[in-house]
C-alpha atoms as a PDB file:
ATOM      1  CA  PRO A   1       7.405  -3.056 -13.701  1.00  0.00           C
ATOM      2  CA  ALA A   2       6.913  -2.203 -10.204  1.00  0.00           C
ATOM      3  CA  GLY A   3       8.508   1.085 -11.212  1.00  0.00           C
ATOM      4  CA  ASN A   4       5.877   1.745 -13.727  1.00  0.00           C
ATOM      5  CA  GLN A   5       2.639   1.131 -11.629  1.00  0.00           C
ATOM      6  CA  PHE A   6       3.606   3.480  -9.065  1.00  0.00           C
ATOM      7  CA  LEU A   7       4.605   5.702 -12.179  1.00  0.00           C
ATOM      8  CA  ASN A   8       1.347   4.933 -13.403  1.00  0.00           C
ATOM      9  CA  ARG A   9      -0.814   5.704 -10.491  1.00  0.00           C
ATOM     10  CA  ALA A  10       1.014   8.930  -9.818  1.00  0.00           C
ATOM     11  CA  MET A  11       0.077   9.667 -13.405  1.00  0.00           C
ATOM     12  CA  ALA A  12      -3.577   9.405 -12.529  1.00  0.00           C
ATOM     13  CA  GLY A  13      -2.997  11.422  -9.427  1.00  0.00           C
ATOM     14  CA  ALA A  14      -1.720  14.167 -10.691  1.00  0.00           C
ATOM     15  CA  ALA A  15      -4.199  14.527 -13.969  1.00  0.00           C
ATOM     16  CA  ARG A  16      -7.452  14.440 -10.735  1.00  0.00           C
ATOM     17  CA  ARG A  17      -5.187  17.501  -9.293  1.00  0.00           C
ATOM     18  CA  PRO A  18      -6.335  20.765 -10.201  1.00  0.00           C
ATOM     19  CA  SER A  19      -3.101  23.635 -11.632  1.00  0.00           C
ATOM     20  CA  PRO A  20      -2.321  25.190  -9.347  1.00  0.00           C
ATOM     21  CA  ASP A  21      -4.019  28.016 -12.028  1.00  0.00           C
ATOM     22  CA  ALA A  22      -7.132  26.469 -11.938  1.00  0.00           C
ATOM     23  CA  HIS A  23      -8.481  29.289 -10.081  1.00  0.00           C
ATOM     24  CA  ARG A  24      -7.934  31.063 -13.036  1.00  0.00           C
ATOM     25  CA  HIS A  25      -8.943  29.900 -15.465  1.00  0.00           C
ATOM     26  CA  ALA A  26     -11.579  29.640 -14.168  1.00  0.00           C
ATOM     27  CA  ALA A  27     -12.370  33.147 -13.996  1.00  0.00           C
ATOM     28  CA  ALA A  28     -11.986  33.508 -17.286  1.00  0.00           C
ATOM     29  CA  ALA A  29     -14.460  31.118 -18.374  1.00  0.00           C
ATOM     30  CA  GLY A  30     -16.943  33.179 -15.566  1.00  0.00           C
ATOM     31  CA  GLU A  31     -16.770  30.562 -12.851  1.00  0.00           C
ATOM     32  CA  GLY A  32     -16.530  31.512  -8.766  1.00  0.00           C
ATOM     33  CA  GLY A  33     -16.941  34.656  -9.220  1.00  0.00           C
ATOM     34  CA  ALA A  34     -17.065  35.364  -5.147  1.00  0.00           C
ATOM     35  CA  ARG A  35     -13.646  33.581  -5.557  1.00  0.00           C
ATOM     36  CA  ASP A  36     -11.967  36.776  -7.635  1.00  0.00           C
ATOM     37  CA  GLU A  37     -14.083  39.044  -5.585  1.00  0.00           C
ATOM     38  CA  GLY A  38     -12.732  38.448  -2.895  1.00  0.00           C
ATOM     39  CA  GLN A  39      -9.119  37.777  -3.721  1.00  0.00           C
ATOM     40  CA  GLN A  40      -9.230  41.921  -5.423  1.00  0.00           C
ATOM     41  CA  GLN A  41     -10.303  42.405  -2.095  1.00  0.00           C
ATOM     42  CA  GLN A  42      -7.115  40.807  -0.766  1.00  0.00           C
ATOM     43  CA  ASP A  43      -5.292  42.657  -3.433  1.00  0.00           C
ATOM     44  CA  SER A  44      -6.262  45.915  -3.039  1.00  0.00           C
ATOM     45  CA  ARG A  45      -5.687  45.297   0.869  1.00  0.00           C
ATOM     46  CA  ALA A  46      -2.113  44.572  -0.223  1.00  0.00           C
ATOM     47  CA  ASP A  47      -1.388  47.473  -2.550  1.00  0.00           C
ATOM     48  CA  ILE A  48      -2.395  50.014   0.314  1.00  0.00           C
ATOM     49  CA  LEU A  49      -0.061  48.290   2.611  1.00  0.00           C
ATOM     50  CA  ARG A  50       2.202  48.428   0.364  1.00  0.00           C
ATOM     51  CA  ARG A  51       1.877  52.594  -0.388  1.00  0.00           C
ATOM     52  CA  ARG A  52       2.322  52.484   3.166  1.00  0.00           C
ATOM     53  CA  LYS A  53       4.763  50.756   3.511  1.00  0.00           C
ATOM     54  CA  GLN A  54       6.968  52.976   1.071  1.00  0.00           C
ATOM     55  CA  LYS A  55       5.521  56.094   2.296  1.00  0.00           C
ATOM     56  CA  LEU A  56       6.802  55.875   5.646  1.00  0.00           C
ATOM     57  CA  ARG A  57       9.851  54.763   4.707  1.00  0.00           C
ATOM     58  CA  LYS A  58      10.142  57.780   3.241  1.00  0.00           C
ATOM     59  CA  ASP A  59       9.687  59.626   5.424  1.00  0.00           C
ATOM     60  CA  ILE A  60      11.912  57.810   7.989  1.00  0.00           C
ATOM     61  CA  ARG A  61      14.959  58.603   5.781  1.00  0.00           C
ATOM     62  CA  ALA A  62      13.809  61.688   5.261  1.00  0.00           C
ATOM     63  CA  LYS A  63      13.549  62.488   9.220  1.00  0.00           C
ATOM     64  CA  ILE A  64      16.884  60.444   9.246  1.00  0.00           C
ATOM     65  CA  LYS A  65      18.588  62.253   6.697  1.00  0.00           C
ATOM     66  CA  SER A  66      17.445  65.878   8.584  1.00  0.00           C
ATOM     67  CA  ALA A  67      18.849  64.763  11.903  1.00  0.00           C
ATOM     68  CA  TYR A  68      21.874  64.238  10.791  1.00  0.00           C
ATOM     69  CA  PRO A  69      24.487  67.027   9.070  1.00  0.00           C
ATOM     70  CA  PRO A  70      26.365  66.408   6.079  1.00  0.00           C
ATOM     71  CA  SER A  71      29.805  65.800   6.472  1.00  0.00           C
ATOM     72  CA  GLY A  72      31.731  68.677   5.910  1.00  0.00           C
ATOM     73  CA  SER A  73      29.557  70.984   7.579  1.00  0.00           C
ATOM     74  CA  ALA A  74      30.408  73.203   9.475  1.00  0.00           C
ATOM     75  CA  ARG A  75      27.987  71.922  12.666  1.00  0.00           C
ATOM     76  CA  LEU A  76      29.283  68.457  11.870  1.00  0.00           C
ATOM     77  CA  GLU A  77      32.745  69.380  12.574  1.00  0.00           C
ATOM     78  CA  ALA A  78      32.395  71.229  15.429  1.00  0.00           C
ATOM     79  CA  GLN A  79      30.267  68.200  16.845  1.00  0.00           C
ATOM     80  CA  SER A  80      33.073  66.109  15.840  1.00  0.00           C
ATOM     81  CA  ASN A  81      35.658  68.687  17.833  1.00  0.00           C
ATOM     82  CA  ALA A  82      33.938  68.833  21.053  1.00  0.00           C
ATOM     83  CA  VAL A  83      33.078  64.830  21.657  1.00  0.00           C
ATOM     84  CA  PHE A  84      37.138  64.492  20.735  1.00  0.00           C
ATOM     85  CA  ALA A  85      37.402  67.670  23.343  1.00  0.00           C
ATOM     86  CA  ARG A  86      36.085  65.608  25.872  1.00  0.00           C
ATOM     87  CA  LEU A  87      37.516  62.499  24.893  1.00  0.00           C
ATOM     88  CA  PHE A  88      40.808  63.272  25.714  1.00  0.00           C
ATOM     89  CA  ASP A  89      39.980  65.695  28.628  1.00  0.00           C
ATOM     90  CA  MET A  90      38.203  62.138  30.236  1.00  0.00           C
ATOM     91  CA  PRO A  91      41.023  60.916  32.940  1.00  0.00           C
ATOM     92  CA  ALA A  92      40.369  56.888  31.500  1.00  0.00           C
ATOM     93  CA  TYR A  93      41.799  58.440  28.327  1.00  0.00           C
ATOM     94  CA  ARG A  94      44.793  59.439  29.900  1.00  0.00           C
ATOM     95  CA  SER A  95      45.864  56.712  31.749  1.00  0.00           C
ATOM     96  CA  ALA A  96      44.923  53.694  28.779  1.00  0.00           C
ATOM     97  CA  ALA A  97      47.500  51.870  27.326  1.00  0.00           C
ATOM     98  CA  SER A  98      45.618  51.435  24.028  1.00  0.00           C
ATOM     99  CA  ILE A  99      42.767  51.969  22.964  1.00  0.00           C
ATOM    100  CA  GLY A 100      40.067  51.067  19.992  1.00  0.00           C
ATOM    101  CA  PHE A 101      38.474  52.778  17.542  1.00  0.00           C
ATOM    102  CA  PHE A 102      35.861  52.836  14.948  1.00  0.00           C
ATOM    103  CA  LEU A 103      36.445  55.207  11.895  1.00  0.00           C
ATOM    104  CA  SER A 104      33.459  56.288  10.529  1.00  0.00           C
ATOM    105  CA  MET A 105      30.972  56.960   7.964  1.00  0.00           C
ATOM    106  CA  PRO A 106      31.330  58.689   5.222  1.00  0.00           C
ATOM    107  CA  SER A 107      27.859  60.935   5.970  1.00  0.00           C
ATOM    108  CA  GLY A 108      26.383  61.461   9.910  1.00  0.00           C
ATOM    109  CA  GLU A 109      28.434  60.633  11.823  1.00  0.00           C
ATOM    110  CA  ILE A 110      31.274  62.552  14.136  1.00  0.00           C
ATOM    111  CA  GLN A 111      34.485  62.757  12.008  1.00  0.00           C
ATOM    112  CA  THR A 112      37.646  60.571  12.720  1.00  0.00           C
ATOM    113  CA  ARG A 113      39.269  60.556  10.100  1.00  0.00           C
ATOM    114  CA  ASP A 114      41.430  63.931  10.257  1.00  0.00           C
END
């Protein structure tokens, strides 16, 4: 019985609490106009921010892509060869007992796979 009292109180409290969508229902009925206007302003600001972010991401991707030569290009091959020529001439490389190495990504990095 004590459990039933708790359940009854909880149900009564839930009936008094507005639903999460209550402001939408009120707006549909013509109530809460100021809240709707504020919500619309928030939504439009969010849309503007979303569009700006998308444009910024697109611009950054284009800049990164233009800064790095594509794999297989003569420029990337020349850069890779220059890096390895300098590496192989370094005294530290020549005297090393072992070296660590990372394989390059498929594009945009000096090629370490040949």
